[in-house]
Amino acid sequence: MADITYQVVPHDNGWAYKLGDTLSETYATADEAIVHARDAASRQKIGDGDALLAYPAPDGRGWAFQELETDKSNGRL
């Protein structure tokens, strides 16, 4: 089970990724927001935890989910 979830949501006439109550900048497409959410997750330091990406399902019904790689190093930002 994921420790954090990035959601791709409609925002300001475009799309953004959301972590908790915090939204990213607005992107033109959901696909672009997904790319940026993956990048953000790859830099997220959550120890041994995992991240999950939730985005609108391609068939328009509900959500699709994808596990994301995170930075599991013990380094500091």
PDB file of N, CA and C in Angstrom:
ATOM      1  N   MET A   1       0.829  -1.181   0.000  1.00  0.00           N
ATOM      2  CA  MET A   1       0.000   0.000   0.000  1.00  0.00           C
ATOM      3  C   MET A   1       0.878   1.251   0.000  1.00  0.00           C
ATOM      4  N   ALA A   2       0.466   2.230  -0.732  1.00  0.00           N
ATOM      5  CA  ALA A   2       1.255   3.453  -0.877  1.00  0.00           C
ATOM      6  C   ALA A   2       1.168   4.316   0.372  1.00  0.00           C
ATOM      7  N   ASP A   3       2.273   4.984   0.671  1.00  0.00           N
ATOM      8  CA  ASP A   3       2.312   5.913   1.786  1.00  0.00           C
ATOM      9  C   ASP A   3       1.815   7.298   1.377  1.00  0.00           C
ATOM     10  N   ILE A   4       2.031   7.660   0.101  1.00  0.00           N
ATOM     11  CA  ILE A   4       1.533   8.921  -0.420  1.00  0.00           C
ATOM     12  C   ILE A   4       0.916   8.679  -1.794  1.00  0.00           C
ATOM     13  N   THR A   5      -0.029   9.529  -2.154  1.00  0.00           N
ATOM     14  CA  THR A   5      -0.685   9.409  -3.448  1.00  0.00           C
ATOM     15  C   THR A   5      -0.708  10.758  -4.148  1.00  0.00           C
ATOM     16  N   TYR A   6      -0.178  10.774  -5.349  1.00  0.00           N
ATOM     17  CA  TYR A   6      -0.276  11.938  -6.226  1.00  0.00           C
ATOM     18  C   TYR A   6      -1.523  11.741  -7.075  1.00  0.00           C
ATOM     19  N   GLN A   7      -2.414  12.722  -7.098  1.00  0.00           N
ATOM     20  CA  GLN A   7      -3.622  12.652  -7.919  1.00  0.00           C
ATOM     21  C   GLN A   7      -3.498  13.647  -9.063  1.00  0.00           C
ATOM     22  N   VAL A   8      -3.924  13.248 -10.262  1.00  0.00           N
ATOM     23  CA  VAL A   8      -3.998  14.156 -11.396  1.00  0.00           C
ATOM     24  C   VAL A   8      -5.446  14.595 -11.508  1.00  0.00           C
ATOM     25  N   VAL A   9      -5.653  15.916 -11.407  1.00  0.00           N
ATOM     26  CA  VAL A   9      -7.008  16.465 -11.327  1.00  0.00           C
ATOM     27  C   VAL A   9      -7.159  17.671 -12.261  1.00  0.00           C
ATOM     28  N   PRO A  10      -8.394  17.946 -12.719  1.00  0.00           N
ATOM     29  CA  PRO A  10      -8.631  19.172 -13.490  1.00  0.00           C
ATOM     30  C   PRO A  10      -8.338  20.394 -12.610  1.00  0.00           C
ATOM     31  N   HIS A  11      -7.711  21.434 -13.232  1.00  0.00           N
ATOM     32  CA  HIS A  11      -7.358  22.629 -12.462  1.00  0.00           C
ATOM     33  C   HIS A  11      -7.132  23.797 -13.404  1.00  0.00           C
ATOM     34  N   ASP A  12      -7.805  24.911 -13.169  1.00  0.00           N
ATOM     35  CA  ASP A  12      -7.615  26.149 -13.933  1.00  0.00           C
ATOM     36  C   ASP A  12      -7.591  25.928 -15.446  1.00  0.00           C
ATOM     37  N   ASN A  13      -8.625  25.304 -15.974  1.00  0.00           N
ATOM     38  CA  ASN A  13      -8.753  25.044 -17.408  1.00  0.00           C
ATOM     39  C   ASN A  13      -7.653  24.143 -17.956  1.00  0.00           C
ATOM     40  N   GLY A  14      -7.078  23.330 -17.102  1.00  0.00           N
ATOM     41  CA  GLY A  14      -6.044  22.385 -17.509  1.00  0.00           C
ATOM     42  C   GLY A  14      -6.000  21.257 -16.501  1.00  0.00           C
ATOM     43  N   TRP A  15      -4.811  20.762 -16.237  1.00  0.00           N
ATOM     44  CA  TRP A  15      -4.612  19.645 -15.314  1.00  0.00           C
ATOM     45  C   TRP A  15      -3.456  19.946 -14.377  1.00  0.00           C
ATOM     46  N   ALA A  16      -3.530  19.403 -13.178  1.00  0.00           N
ATOM     47  CA  ALA A  16      -2.457  19.547 -12.194  1.00  0.00           C
ATOM     48  C   ALA A  16      -2.326  18.223 -11.458  1.00  0.00           C
ATOM     49  N   TYR A  17      -1.183  18.041 -10.791  1.00  0.00           N
ATOM     50  CA  TYR A  17      -1.105  16.922  -9.853  1.00  0.00           C
ATOM     51  C   TYR A  17      -1.242  17.490  -8.460  1.00  0.00           C
ATOM     52  N   LYS A  18      -1.755  16.671  -7.584  1.00  0.00           N
ATOM     53  CA  LYS A  18      -2.099  17.100  -6.234  1.00  0.00           C
ATOM     54  C   LYS A  18      -1.508  16.113  -5.246  1.00  0.00           C
ATOM     55  N   LEU A  19      -0.905  16.627  -4.199  1.00  0.00           N
ATOM     56  CA  LEU A  19      -0.414  15.808  -3.101  1.00  0.00           C
ATOM     57  C   LEU A  19      -0.999  16.396  -1.841  1.00  0.00           C
ATOM     58  N   GLY A  20      -1.891  15.664  -1.209  1.00  0.00           N
ATOM     59  CA  GLY A  20      -2.621  16.217  -0.069  1.00  0.00           C
ATOM     60  C   GLY A  20      -3.513  17.339  -0.567  1.00  0.00           C
ATOM     61  N   ASP A  21      -3.375  18.510   0.040  1.00  0.00           N
ATOM     62  CA  ASP A  21      -4.155  19.674  -0.378  1.00  0.00           C
ATOM     63  C   ASP A  21      -3.369  20.608  -1.284  1.00  0.00           C
ATOM     64  N   THR A  22      -2.157  20.210  -1.673  1.00  0.00           N
ATOM     65  CA  THR A  22      -1.285  21.068  -2.466  1.00  0.00           C
ATOM     66  C   THR A  22      -1.349  20.698  -3.941  1.00  0.00           C
ATOM     67  N   LEU A  23      -1.606  21.716  -4.780  1.00  0.00           N
ATOM     68  CA  LEU A  23      -1.684  21.520  -6.225  1.00  0.00           C
ATOM     69  C   LEU A  23      -0.409  22.023  -6.899  1.00  0.00           C
ATOM     70  N   SER A  24      -0.038  21.350  -7.973  1.00  0.00           N
ATOM     71  CA  SER A  24       1.081  21.805  -8.791  1.00  0.00           C
ATOM     72  C   SER A  24       0.626  22.959  -9.666  1.00  0.00           C
ATOM     73  N   GLU A  25       1.528  23.423 -10.515  1.00  0.00           N
ATOM     74  CA  GLU A  25       1.128  24.375 -11.538  1.00  0.00           C
ATOM     75  C   GLU A  25       0.181  23.671 -12.513  1.00  0.00           C
ATOM     76  N   THR A  26      -0.467  24.421 -13.371  1.00  0.00           N
ATOM     77  CA  THR A  26      -1.415  23.876 -14.329  1.00  0.00           C
ATOM     78  C   THR A  26      -0.691  23.465 -15.605  1.00  0.00           C
ATOM     79  N   TYR A  27      -1.044  22.293 -16.116  1.00  0.00           N
ATOM     80  CA  TYR A  27      -0.499  21.771 -17.371  1.00  0.00           C
ATOM     81  C   TYR A  27      -1.640  21.647 -18.378  1.00  0.00           C
ATOM     82  N   ALA A  28      -1.299  21.679 -19.649  1.00  0.00           N
ATOM     83  CA  ALA A  28      -2.307  21.672 -20.705  1.00  0.00           C
ATOM     84  C   ALA A  28      -3.075  20.359 -20.782  1.00  0.00           C
ATOM     85  N   THR A  29      -2.407  19.239 -20.496  1.00  0.00           N
ATOM     86  CA  THR A  29      -3.050  17.927 -20.622  1.00  0.00           C
ATOM     87  C   THR A  29      -2.830  17.096 -19.370  1.00  0.00           C
ATOM     88  N   ALA A  30      -3.673  16.099 -19.190  1.00  0.00           N
ATOM     89  CA  ALA A  30      -3.495  15.160 -18.074  1.00  0.00           C
ATOM     90  C   ALA A  30      -2.191  14.400 -18.241  1.00  0.00           C
ATOM     91  N   ASP A  31      -1.847  14.033 -19.484  1.00  0.00           N
ATOM     92  CA  ASP A  31      -0.598  13.312 -19.722  1.00  0.00           C
ATOM     93  C   ASP A  31       0.614  14.122 -19.282  1.00  0.00           C
ATOM     94  N   GLU A  32       0.593  15.418 -19.530  1.00  0.00           N
ATOM     95  CA  GLU A  32       1.696  16.280 -19.111  1.00  0.00           C
ATOM     96  C   GLU A  32       1.760  16.338 -17.582  1.00  0.00           C
ATOM     97  N   ALA A  33       0.619  16.424 -16.922  1.00  0.00           N
ATOM     98  CA  ALA A  33       0.592  16.436 -15.453  1.00  0.00           C
ATOM     99  C   ALA A  33       1.116  15.115 -14.895  1.00  0.00           C
ATOM    100  N   ILE A  34       0.805  14.006 -15.566  1.00  0.00           N
ATOM    101  CA  ILE A  34       1.297  12.690 -15.130  1.00  0.00           C
ATOM    102  C   ILE A  34       2.820  12.648 -15.197  1.00  0.00           C
ATOM    103  N   VAL A  35       3.394  13.148 -16.285  1.00  0.00           N
ATOM    104  CA  VAL A  35       4.855  13.177 -16.431  1.00  0.00           C
ATOM    105  C   VAL A  35       5.488  13.964 -15.288  1.00  0.00           C
ATOM    106  N   HIS A  36       4.928  15.115 -14.965  1.00  0.00           N
ATOM    107  CA  HIS A  36       5.483  15.950 -13.893  1.00  0.00           C
ATOM    108  C   HIS A  36       5.258  15.327 -12.522  1.00  0.00           C
ATOM    109  N   ALA A  37       4.144  14.629 -12.323  1.00  0.00           N
ATOM    110  CA  ALA A  37       3.907  13.931 -11.049  1.00  0.00           C
ATOM    111  C   ALA A  37       4.925  12.810 -10.864  1.00  0.00           C
ATOM    112  N   ARG A  38       5.216  12.069 -11.934  1.00  0.00           N
ATOM    113  CA  ARG A  38       6.238  11.009 -11.857  1.00  0.00           C
ATOM    114  C   ARG A  38       7.595  11.609 -11.476  1.00  0.00           C
ATOM    115  N   ASP A  39       7.930  12.748 -12.090  1.00  0.00           N
ATOM    116  CA  ASP A  39       9.197  13.405 -11.787  1.00  0.00           C
ATOM    117  C   ASP A  39       9.243  13.836 -10.322  1.00  0.00           C
ATOM    118  N   ALA A  40       8.178  14.439  -9.840  1.00  0.00           N
ATOM    119  CA  ALA A  40       8.125  14.863  -8.432  1.00  0.00           C
ATOM    120  C   ALA A  40       8.265  13.669  -7.497  1.00  0.00           C
ATOM    121  N   ALA A  41       7.582  12.578  -7.815  1.00  0.00           N
ATOM    122  CA  ALA A  41       7.654  11.388  -6.970  1.00  0.00           C
ATOM    123  C   ALA A  41       9.055  10.796  -6.960  1.00  0.00           C
ATOM    124  N   SER A  42       9.744  10.855  -8.093  1.00  0.00           N
ATOM    125  CA  SER A  42      11.089  10.280  -8.164  1.00  0.00           C
ATOM    126  C   SER A  42      12.059  11.016  -7.243  1.00  0.00           C
ATOM    127  N   ARG A  43      11.746  12.266  -6.916  1.00  0.00           N
ATOM    128  CA  ARG A  43      12.592  13.058  -6.026  1.00  0.00           C
ATOM    129  C   ARG A  43      12.071  13.075  -4.590  1.00  0.00           C
ATOM    130  N   GLN A  44      10.911  12.506  -4.358  1.00  0.00           N
ATOM    131  CA  GLN A  44      10.292  12.487  -3.031  1.00  0.00           C
ATOM    132  C   GLN A  44      11.038  11.524  -2.126  1.00  0.00           C
ATOM    133  N   LYS A  45      11.475  11.993  -0.985  1.00  0.00           N
ATOM    134  CA  LYS A  45      12.180  11.141  -0.025  1.00  0.00           C
ATOM    135  C   LYS A  45      11.193  10.702   1.052  1.00  0.00           C
ATOM    136  N   ILE A  46      10.841   9.420   1.009  1.00  0.00           N
ATOM    137  CA  ILE A  46       9.918   8.888   2.020  1.00  0.00           C
ATOM    138  C   ILE A  46      10.459   7.605   2.634  1.00  0.00           C
ATOM    139  N   GLY A  47      11.785   7.502   2.723  1.00  0.00           N
ATOM    140  CA  GLY A  47      12.393   6.325   3.329  1.00  0.00           C
ATOM    141  C   GLY A  47      12.064   5.077   2.545  1.00  0.00           C
ATOM    142  N   ASP A  48      11.517   4.083   3.218  1.00  0.00           N
ATOM    143  CA  ASP A  48      11.163   2.823   2.560  1.00  0.00           C
ATOM    144  C   ASP A  48       9.745   2.831   2.023  1.00  0.00           C
ATOM    145  N   GLY A  49       9.079   3.979   2.065  1.00  0.00           N
ATOM    146  CA  GLY A  49       7.689   4.067   1.627  1.00  0.00           C
ATOM    147  C   GLY A  49       7.546   4.050   0.115  1.00  0.00           C
ATOM    148  N   ASP A  50       6.333   4.018  -0.323  1.00  0.00           N
ATOM    149  CA  ASP A  50       6.001   3.994  -1.736  1.00  0.00           C
ATOM    150  C   ASP A  50       5.067   5.144  -2.069  1.00  0.00           C
ATOM    151  N   ALA A  51       4.984   5.454  -3.345  1.00  0.00           N
ATOM    152  CA  ALA A  51       4.069   6.477  -3.830  1.00  0.00           C
ATOM    153  C   ALA A  51       3.162   5.857  -4.885  1.00  0.00           C
ATOM    154  N   LEU A  52       1.994   6.422  -5.027  1.00  0.00           N
ATOM    155  CA  LEU A  52       1.002   5.949  -5.984  1.00  0.00           C
ATOM    156  C   LEU A  52       0.525   7.143  -6.792  1.00  0.00           C
ATOM    157  N   LEU A  53       0.316   6.929  -8.090  1.00  0.00           N
ATOM    158  CA  LEU A  53      -0.243   7.951  -8.969  1.00  0.00           C
ATOM    159  C   LEU A  53      -1.674   7.563  -9.276  1.00  0.00           C
ATOM    160  N   ALA A  54      -2.609   8.481  -9.034  1.00  0.00           N
ATOM    161  CA  ALA A  54      -4.027   8.264  -9.349  1.00  0.00           C
ATOM    162  C   ALA A  54      -4.414   9.284 -10.410  1.00  0.00           C
ATOM    163  N   TYR A  55      -5.001   8.812 -11.500  1.00  0.00           N
ATOM    164  CA  TYR A  55      -5.407   9.699 -12.583  1.00  0.00           C
ATOM    165  C   TYR A  55      -6.720   9.204 -13.168  1.00  0.00           C
ATOM    166  N   PRO A  56      -7.468  10.081 -13.829  1.00  0.00           N
ATOM    167  CA  PRO A  56      -8.748   9.650 -14.388  1.00  0.00           C
ATOM    168  C   PRO A  56      -8.549   8.488 -15.356  1.00  0.00           C
ATOM    169  N   ALA A  57      -9.332   7.447 -15.187  1.00  0.00           N
ATOM    170  CA  ALA A  57      -9.217   6.259 -16.038  1.00  0.00           C
ATOM    171  C   ALA A  57      -9.486   6.629 -17.496  1.00  0.00           C
ATOM    172  N   PRO A  58      -8.744   6.030 -18.419  1.00  0.00           N
ATOM    173  CA  PRO A  58      -8.945   6.338 -19.837  1.00  0.00           C
ATOM    174  C   PRO A  58     -10.373   6.108 -20.329  1.00  0.00           C
ATOM    175  N   ASP A  59     -11.084   5.174 -19.719  1.00  0.00           N
ATOM    176  CA  ASP A  59     -12.465   4.911 -20.147  1.00  0.00           C
ATOM    177  C   ASP A  59     -13.455   5.900 -19.534  1.00  0.00           C
ATOM    178  N   GLY A  60     -12.923   6.837 -18.711  1.00  0.00           N
ATOM    179  CA  GLY A  60     -13.776   7.864 -18.130  1.00  0.00           C
ATOM    180  C   GLY A  60     -14.544   7.425 -16.896  1.00  0.00           C
ATOM    181  N   ARG A  61     -14.315   6.191 -16.448  1.00  0.00           N
ATOM    182  CA  ARG A  61     -15.032   5.691 -15.268  1.00  0.00           C
ATOM    183  C   ARG A  61     -14.064   5.467 -14.116  1.00  0.00           C
ATOM    184  N   GLY A  62     -14.086   6.377 -13.176  1.00  0.00           N
ATOM    185  CA  GLY A  62     -13.276   6.206 -11.971  1.00  0.00           C
ATOM    186  C   GLY A  62     -11.818   6.584 -12.172  1.00  0.00           C
ATOM    187  N   TRP A  63     -10.972   5.931 -11.383  1.00  0.00           N
ATOM    188  CA  TRP A  63      -9.546   6.241 -11.352  1.00  0.00           C
ATOM    189  C   TRP A  63      -8.720   5.059 -11.841  1.00  0.00           C
ATOM    190  N   ALA A  64      -7.568   5.366 -12.408  1.00  0.00           N
ATOM    191  CA  ALA A  64      -6.542   4.369 -12.701  1.00  0.00           C
ATOM    192  C   ALA A  64      -5.388   4.647 -11.739  1.00  0.00           C
ATOM    193  N   PHE A  65      -4.646   3.615 -11.383  1.00  0.00           N
ATOM    194  CA  PHE A  65      -3.564   3.760 -10.405  1.00  0.00           C
ATOM    195  C   PHE A  65      -2.277   3.157 -10.948  1.00  0.00           C
ATOM    196  N   GLN A  66      -1.165   3.774 -10.567  1.00  0.00           N
ATOM    197  CA  GLN A  66       0.141   3.280 -10.966  1.00  0.00           C
ATOM    198  C   GLN A  66       1.113   3.516  -9.825  1.00  0.00           C
ATOM    199  N   GLU A  67       1.923   2.499  -9.506  1.00  0.00           N
ATOM    200  CA  GLU A  67       2.948   2.674  -8.484  1.00  0.00           C
ATOM    201  C   GLU A  67       4.070   3.526  -9.046  1.00  0.00           C
ATOM    202  N   LEU A  68       4.661   4.363  -8.195  1.00  0.00           N
ATOM    203  CA  LEU A  68       5.742   5.259  -8.597  1.00  0.00           C
ATOM    204  C   LEU A  68       6.990   4.960  -7.798  1.00  0.00           C
ATOM    205  N   GLU A  69       8.135   5.094  -8.441  1.00  0.00           N
ATOM    206  CA  GLU A  69       9.409   4.956  -7.751  1.00  0.00           C
ATOM    207  C   GLU A  69       9.707   6.237  -6.981  1.00  0.00           C
ATOM    208  N   THR A  70      10.233   6.098  -5.783  1.00  0.00           N
ATOM    209  CA  THR A  70      10.629   7.250  -4.974  1.00  0.00           C
ATOM    210  C   THR A  70      12.107   7.131  -4.634  1.00  0.00           C
ATOM    211  N   ASP A  71      12.674   8.201  -4.108  1.00  0.00           N
ATOM    212  CA  ASP A  71      14.072   8.207  -3.693  1.00  0.00           C
ATOM    213  C   ASP A  71      14.160   7.561  -2.312  1.00  0.00           C
ATOM    214  N   LYS A  72      14.694   6.358  -2.261  1.00  0.00           N
ATOM    215  CA  LYS A  72      14.783   5.627  -0.996  1.00  0.00           C
ATOM    216  C   LYS A  72      16.148   5.773  -0.336  1.00  0.00           C
ATOM    217  N   SER A  73      16.969   6.670  -0.851  1.00  0.00           N
ATOM    218  CA  SER A  73      18.280   6.898  -0.245  1.00  0.00           C
ATOM    219  C   SER A  73      18.107   7.611   1.085  1.00  0.00           C
ATOM    220  N   ASN A  74      19.136   7.562   1.858  1.00  0.00           N
ATOM    221  CA  ASN A  74      19.096   8.246   3.152  1.00  0.00           C
ATOM    222  C   ASN A  74      19.654   9.654   3.050  1.00  0.00           C
ATOM    223  N   GLY A  75      19.931  10.109   1.828  1.00  0.00           N
ATOM    224  CA  GLY A  75      20.486  11.451   1.623  1.00  0.00           C
ATOM    225  C   GLY A  75      19.487  12.527   1.952  1.00  0.00           C
ATOM    226  N   ARG A  76      19.985  13.710   2.157  1.00  0.00           N
ATOM    227  CA  ARG A  76      19.130  14.865   2.428  1.00  0.00           C
ATOM    228  C   ARG A  76      18.969  15.660   1.149  1.00  0.00           C
ATOM    229  N   LEU A  77      17.886  16.414   1.070  1.00  0.00           N
ATOM    230  CA  LEU A  77      17.677  17.274  -0.098  1.00  0.00           C
ATOM    231  C   LEU A  77      18.656  18.403  -0.119  1.00  0.00           C
TER     232      LEU A  77
END
